[in-house]
Amino acid sequence: MDFTEEQYGIIENLAGTGYSVRRIAMYLDVNSDVLVTDYDDPESKFRYHYDRGVLKCEAERDLALQVALTAGNVTALQILEKKLEQRKMNGFKEDLLSGHI
């Protein structure tokens, strides 16, 4: 399914704030089954923009944590360390599942 650049921006913003594919379909007033099928295709343009929205939101939060960390916020350090450990574990899982290990 193709969307306008404006709609892809909306998809990224909604995905980044945790909206499901079906809720995004409802927001855009499109068939949710078609959108779910697009999401299931890792090469689809919808999937790219959905994943990009999630990544952008995570990155913005992490960058804000870094700013807090440089200001001496100890809680920010703890949160960032936990996120880094989770990312490392997720990377290992992806490598195992893809056969790279």
N, C-alpha and C. Protein backbone atom coordinates (compact mmCIF):
# COMPACT_ATOMS: atom_id res chain seq x y z
N MET A 1 0.85 -1.17 0.00
CA MET A 1 0.00 0.00 0.00
C MET A 1 0.90 1.23 0.00
N ASP A 2 0.59 2.18 -0.85
CA ASP A 2 1.38 3.41 -0.93
C ASP A 2 0.70 4.53 -0.18
N PHE A 3 1.53 5.39 0.40
CA PHE A 3 1.06 6.55 1.14
C PHE A 3 1.81 7.78 0.66
N THR A 4 1.30 8.94 1.01
CA THR A 4 2.00 10.19 0.72
C THR A 4 3.14 10.34 1.72
N GLU A 5 4.06 11.24 1.42
CA GLU A 5 5.16 11.50 2.36
C GLU A 5 4.61 11.98 3.71
N GLU A 6 3.55 12.79 3.66
CA GLU A 6 2.93 13.26 4.90
C GLU A 6 2.39 12.09 5.71
N GLN A 7 1.75 11.14 5.02
CA GLN A 7 1.21 9.97 5.72
C GLN A 7 2.33 9.10 6.29
N TYR A 8 3.44 8.96 5.55
CA TYR A 8 4.56 8.20 6.09
C TYR A 8 5.11 8.88 7.35
N GLY A 9 5.11 10.20 7.38
CA GLY A 9 5.52 10.91 8.59
C GLY A 9 4.58 10.62 9.75
N ILE A 10 3.29 10.57 9.48
CA ILE A 10 2.31 10.23 10.51
C ILE A 10 2.54 8.81 11.01
N ILE A 11 2.79 7.89 10.07
CA ILE A 11 3.06 6.49 10.44
C ILE A 11 4.26 6.42 11.37
N GLU A 12 5.34 7.13 11.04
CA GLU A 12 6.53 7.13 11.87
C GLU A 12 6.24 7.68 13.26
N ASN A 13 5.50 8.77 13.32
CA ASN A 13 5.18 9.37 14.62
C ASN A 13 4.31 8.45 15.47
N LEU A 14 3.30 7.85 14.87
CA LEU A 14 2.42 6.96 15.62
C LEU A 14 3.15 5.69 16.05
N ALA A 15 3.96 5.13 15.17
CA ALA A 15 4.72 3.93 15.53
C ALA A 15 5.68 4.23 16.67
N GLY A 16 6.30 5.39 16.62
CA GLY A 16 7.25 5.78 17.65
C GLY A 16 6.62 5.95 19.02
N THR A 17 5.34 6.25 19.03
CA THR A 17 4.64 6.41 20.32
C THR A 17 3.90 5.14 20.72
N GLY A 18 4.14 4.04 19.99
CA GLY A 18 3.65 2.75 20.42
C GLY A 18 2.33 2.29 19.82
N TYR A 19 1.84 2.98 18.80
CA TYR A 19 0.58 2.56 18.19
C TYR A 19 0.79 1.27 17.41
N SER A 20 -0.17 0.38 17.48
CA SER A 20 -0.11 -0.88 16.73
C SER A 20 -0.40 -0.62 15.26
N VAL A 21 -0.07 -1.58 14.44
CA VAL A 21 -0.34 -1.47 13.00
C VAL A 21 -1.85 -1.31 12.77
N ARG A 22 -2.64 -2.06 13.49
CA ARG A 22 -4.10 -1.97 13.31
C ARG A 22 -4.64 -0.61 13.71
N ARG A 23 -4.10 -0.03 14.77
CA ARG A 23 -4.56 1.31 15.19
C ARG A 23 -4.13 2.37 14.18
N ILE A 24 -2.94 2.20 13.60
CA ILE A 24 -2.49 3.14 12.57
C ILE A 24 -3.40 3.02 11.36
N ALA A 25 -3.78 1.80 11.01
CA ALA A 25 -4.70 1.60 9.88
C ALA A 25 -6.02 2.31 10.15
N MET A 26 -6.52 2.21 11.38
CA MET A 26 -7.76 2.87 11.71
C MET A 26 -7.59 4.39 11.62
N TYR A 27 -6.48 4.89 12.11
CA TYR A 27 -6.22 6.33 12.06
C TYR A 27 -6.19 6.83 10.61
N LEU A 28 -5.55 6.05 9.74
CA LEU A 28 -5.43 6.44 8.33
C LEU A 28 -6.65 6.04 7.51
N ASP A 29 -7.58 5.33 8.14
CA ASP A 29 -8.81 4.87 7.50
C ASP A 29 -8.51 3.98 6.29
N VAL A 30 -7.64 2.98 6.54
CA VAL A 30 -7.31 2.00 5.50
C VAL A 30 -7.58 0.60 6.05
N ASN A 31 -7.62 -0.38 5.17
CA ASN A 31 -7.89 -1.76 5.54
C ASN A 31 -6.75 -2.29 6.42
N SER A 32 -7.08 -2.69 7.64
CA SER A 32 -6.05 -3.12 8.58
C SER A 32 -5.39 -4.43 8.15
N ASP A 33 -6.14 -5.32 7.51
CA ASP A 33 -5.55 -6.58 7.07
C ASP A 33 -4.47 -6.35 6.00
N VAL A 34 -4.72 -5.41 5.12
CA VAL A 34 -3.73 -5.07 4.09
C VAL A 34 -2.49 -4.48 4.74
N LEU A 35 -2.69 -3.62 5.71
CA LEU A 35 -1.55 -2.97 6.38
C LEU A 35 -0.75 -3.99 7.20
N VAL A 36 -1.43 -4.91 7.84
CA VAL A 36 -0.73 -5.96 8.58
C VAL A 36 0.11 -6.81 7.62
N THR A 37 -0.44 -7.11 6.45
CA THR A 37 0.31 -7.86 5.45
C THR A 37 1.54 -7.07 5.01
N ASP A 38 1.39 -5.76 4.82
CA ASP A 38 2.54 -4.91 4.48
C ASP A 38 3.58 -4.93 5.59
N TYR A 39 3.12 -4.89 6.83
CA TYR A 39 4.04 -4.90 7.97
C TYR A 39 4.80 -6.22 8.02
N ASP A 40 4.14 -7.31 7.70
CA ASP A 40 4.77 -8.63 7.75
C ASP A 40 5.86 -8.81 6.69
N ASP A 41 5.87 -7.93 5.68
CA ASP A 41 6.90 -7.98 4.63
C ASP A 41 8.04 -7.04 5.05
N PRO A 42 9.18 -7.59 5.47
CA PRO A 42 10.28 -6.73 5.94
C PRO A 42 10.83 -5.80 4.87
N GLU A 43 10.48 -6.02 3.62
CA GLU A 43 10.97 -5.18 2.52
C GLU A 43 9.97 -4.10 2.11
N SER A 44 8.80 -4.07 2.75
CA SER A 44 7.78 -3.09 2.34
C SER A 44 8.13 -1.69 2.83
N LYS A 45 7.66 -0.71 2.11
CA LYS A 45 7.89 0.69 2.47
C LYS A 45 7.19 1.02 3.79
N PHE A 46 6.01 0.45 4.00
CA PHE A 46 5.31 0.67 5.28
C PHE A 46 6.15 0.16 6.44
N ARG A 47 6.68 -1.06 6.31
CA ARG A 47 7.49 -1.65 7.39
C ARG A 47 8.71 -0.78 7.67
N TYR A 48 9.34 -0.29 6.61
CA TYR A 48 10.50 0.58 6.79
C TYR A 48 10.13 1.80 7.62
N HIS A 49 9.05 2.48 7.27
CA HIS A 49 8.67 3.69 7.97
C HIS A 49 8.17 3.40 9.38
N TYR A 50 7.50 2.28 9.58
CA TYR A 50 7.07 1.90 10.92
C TYR A 50 8.29 1.70 11.81
N ASP A 51 9.24 0.88 11.34
CA ASP A 51 10.45 0.60 12.12
C ASP A 51 11.28 1.86 12.32
N ARG A 52 11.32 2.71 11.31
CA ARG A 52 12.07 3.97 11.41
C ARG A 52 11.47 4.85 12.49
N GLY A 53 10.15 4.90 12.57
CA GLY A 53 9.49 5.69 13.61
C GLY A 53 9.82 5.21 15.01
N VAL A 54 9.84 3.89 15.18
CA VAL A 54 10.20 3.31 16.48
C VAL A 54 11.65 3.67 16.82
N LEU A 55 12.53 3.51 15.85
CA LEU A 55 13.94 3.81 16.06
C LEU A 55 14.16 5.29 16.39
N LYS A 56 13.52 6.18 15.63
CA LYS A 56 13.70 7.61 15.86
C LYS A 56 13.27 8.00 17.28
N CYS A 57 12.16 7.46 17.72
CA CYS A 57 11.66 7.79 19.05
C CYS A 57 12.61 7.26 20.12
N GLU A 58 13.07 6.03 19.96
CA GLU A 58 14.03 5.46 20.91
C GLU A 58 15.31 6.30 20.95
N ALA A 59 15.78 6.69 19.78
CA ALA A 59 17.02 7.47 19.71
C ALA A 59 16.85 8.83 20.38
N GLU A 60 15.72 9.48 20.17
CA GLU A 60 15.48 10.78 20.79
C GLU A 60 15.47 10.67 22.31
N ARG A 61 14.84 9.61 22.82
CA ARG A 61 14.83 9.40 24.28
C ARG A 61 16.24 9.14 24.80
N ASP A 62 17.00 8.32 24.06
CA ASP A 62 18.36 8.00 24.49
C ASP A 62 19.27 9.23 24.44
N LEU A 63 19.08 10.06 23.43
CA LEU A 63 19.88 11.29 23.36
C LEU A 63 19.55 12.21 24.52
N ALA A 64 18.28 12.27 24.90
CA ALA A 64 17.89 13.08 26.06
C ALA A 64 18.50 12.51 27.34
N LEU A 65 18.59 11.18 27.42
CA LEU A 65 19.24 10.56 28.56
C LEU A 65 20.72 10.93 28.62
N GLN A 66 21.36 10.97 27.46
CA GLN A 66 22.77 11.35 27.43
C GLN A 66 22.97 12.77 27.93
N VAL A 67 22.09 13.67 27.55
CA VAL A 67 22.17 15.05 28.02
C VAL A 67 22.03 15.09 29.54
N ALA A 68 21.07 14.34 30.06
CA ALA A 68 20.88 14.28 31.52
C ALA A 68 22.10 13.66 32.19
N LEU A 69 22.68 12.68 31.54
CA LEU A 69 23.86 12.02 32.08
C LEU A 69 25.03 12.99 32.19
N THR A 70 25.25 13.77 31.15
CA THR A 70 26.37 14.72 31.18
C THR A 70 26.14 15.83 32.20
N ALA A 71 24.87 16.02 32.59
CA ALA A 71 24.55 17.01 33.62
C ALA A 71 24.70 16.41 35.02
N GLY A 72 25.09 15.12 35.09
CA GLY A 72 25.32 14.49 36.38
C GLY A 72 24.14 13.73 36.95
N ASN A 73 23.16 13.44 36.15
CA ASN A 73 21.98 12.71 36.61
C ASN A 73 22.31 11.22 36.72
N VAL A 74 22.41 10.71 37.96
CA VAL A 74 22.79 9.32 38.20
C VAL A 74 21.71 8.36 37.71
N THR A 75 20.46 8.73 37.86
CA THR A 75 19.36 7.88 37.39
C THR A 75 19.45 7.70 35.88
N ALA A 76 19.82 8.75 35.16
CA ALA A 76 19.97 8.66 33.71
C ALA A 76 21.05 7.64 33.36
N LEU A 77 22.13 7.62 34.12
CA LEU A 77 23.21 6.66 33.90
C LEU A 77 22.69 5.23 34.07
N GLN A 78 21.93 4.99 35.11
CA GLN A 78 21.39 3.66 35.36
C GLN A 78 20.45 3.23 34.24
N ILE A 79 19.60 4.12 33.80
CA ILE A 79 18.66 3.81 32.72
C ILE A 79 19.41 3.52 31.43
N LEU A 80 20.39 4.36 31.11
CA LEU A 80 21.15 4.18 29.88
C LEU A 80 21.93 2.87 29.89
N GLU A 81 22.53 2.53 31.02
CA GLU A 81 23.27 1.27 31.12
C GLU A 81 22.33 0.08 30.91
N LYS A 82 21.14 0.14 31.48
CA LYS A 82 20.17 -0.94 31.31
C LYS A 82 19.76 -1.06 29.84
N LYS A 83 19.53 0.07 29.18
CA LYS A 83 19.14 0.05 27.76
C LYS A 83 20.27 -0.52 26.90
N LEU A 84 21.50 -0.16 27.20
CA LEU A 84 22.63 -0.67 26.42
C LEU A 84 22.76 -2.18 26.58
N GLU A 85 22.55 -2.67 27.78
CA GLU A 85 22.60 -4.11 28.02
C GLU A 85 21.47 -4.83 27.27
N GLN A 86 20.29 -4.24 27.27
CA GLN A 86 19.16 -4.84 26.54
C GLN A 86 19.46 -4.88 25.04
N ARG A 87 20.03 -3.80 24.51
CA ARG A 87 20.36 -3.77 23.08
C ARG A 87 21.40 -4.83 22.74
N LYS A 88 22.38 -4.98 23.62
CA LYS A 88 23.41 -5.99 23.38
C LYS A 88 22.78 -7.38 23.34
N MET A 89 21.90 -7.68 24.28
CA MET A 89 21.23 -8.98 24.31
C MET A 89 20.36 -9.17 23.07
N ASN A 90 19.65 -8.13 22.66
CA ASN A 90 18.82 -8.22 21.46
C ASN A 90 19.68 -8.48 20.22
N GLY A 91 20.85 -7.87 20.18
CA GLY A 91 21.77 -8.10 19.07
C GLY A 91 22.24 -9.55 19.02
N PHE A 92 22.54 -10.12 20.21
CA PHE A 92 22.93 -11.53 20.27
C PHE A 92 21.78 -12.43 19.79
N LYS A 93 20.56 -12.11 20.22
CA LYS A 93 19.40 -12.91 19.81
C LYS A 93 19.23 -12.85 18.29
N GLU A 94 19.35 -11.65 17.72
CA GLU A 94 19.21 -11.51 16.27
C GLU A 94 20.28 -12.29 15.53
N ASP A 95 21.52 -12.25 16.05
CA ASP A 95 22.61 -13.00 15.43
C ASP A 95 22.35 -14.50 15.49
N LEU A 96 21.85 -14.98 16.64
CA LEU A 96 21.54 -16.40 16.77
C LEU A 96 20.45 -16.82 15.80
N LEU A 97 19.39 -16.02 15.74
CA LEU A 97 18.27 -16.35 14.87
C LEU A 97 18.63 -16.30 13.40
N SER A 98 19.55 -15.41 13.03
CA SER A 98 19.93 -15.28 11.63
C SER A 98 21.05 -16.23 11.23
N GLY A 99 21.61 -16.93 12.22
CA GLY A 99 22.68 -17.89 11.92
C GLY A 99 24.06 -17.28 11.84
N HIS A 100 24.24 -16.05 12.31
CA HIS A 100 25.54 -15.40 12.26
C HIS A 100 26.47 -15.85 13.38
N ILE A 101 25.94 -16.59 14.35
CA ILE A 101 26.79 -17.10 15.45
C ILE A 101 26.82 -18.61 15.37
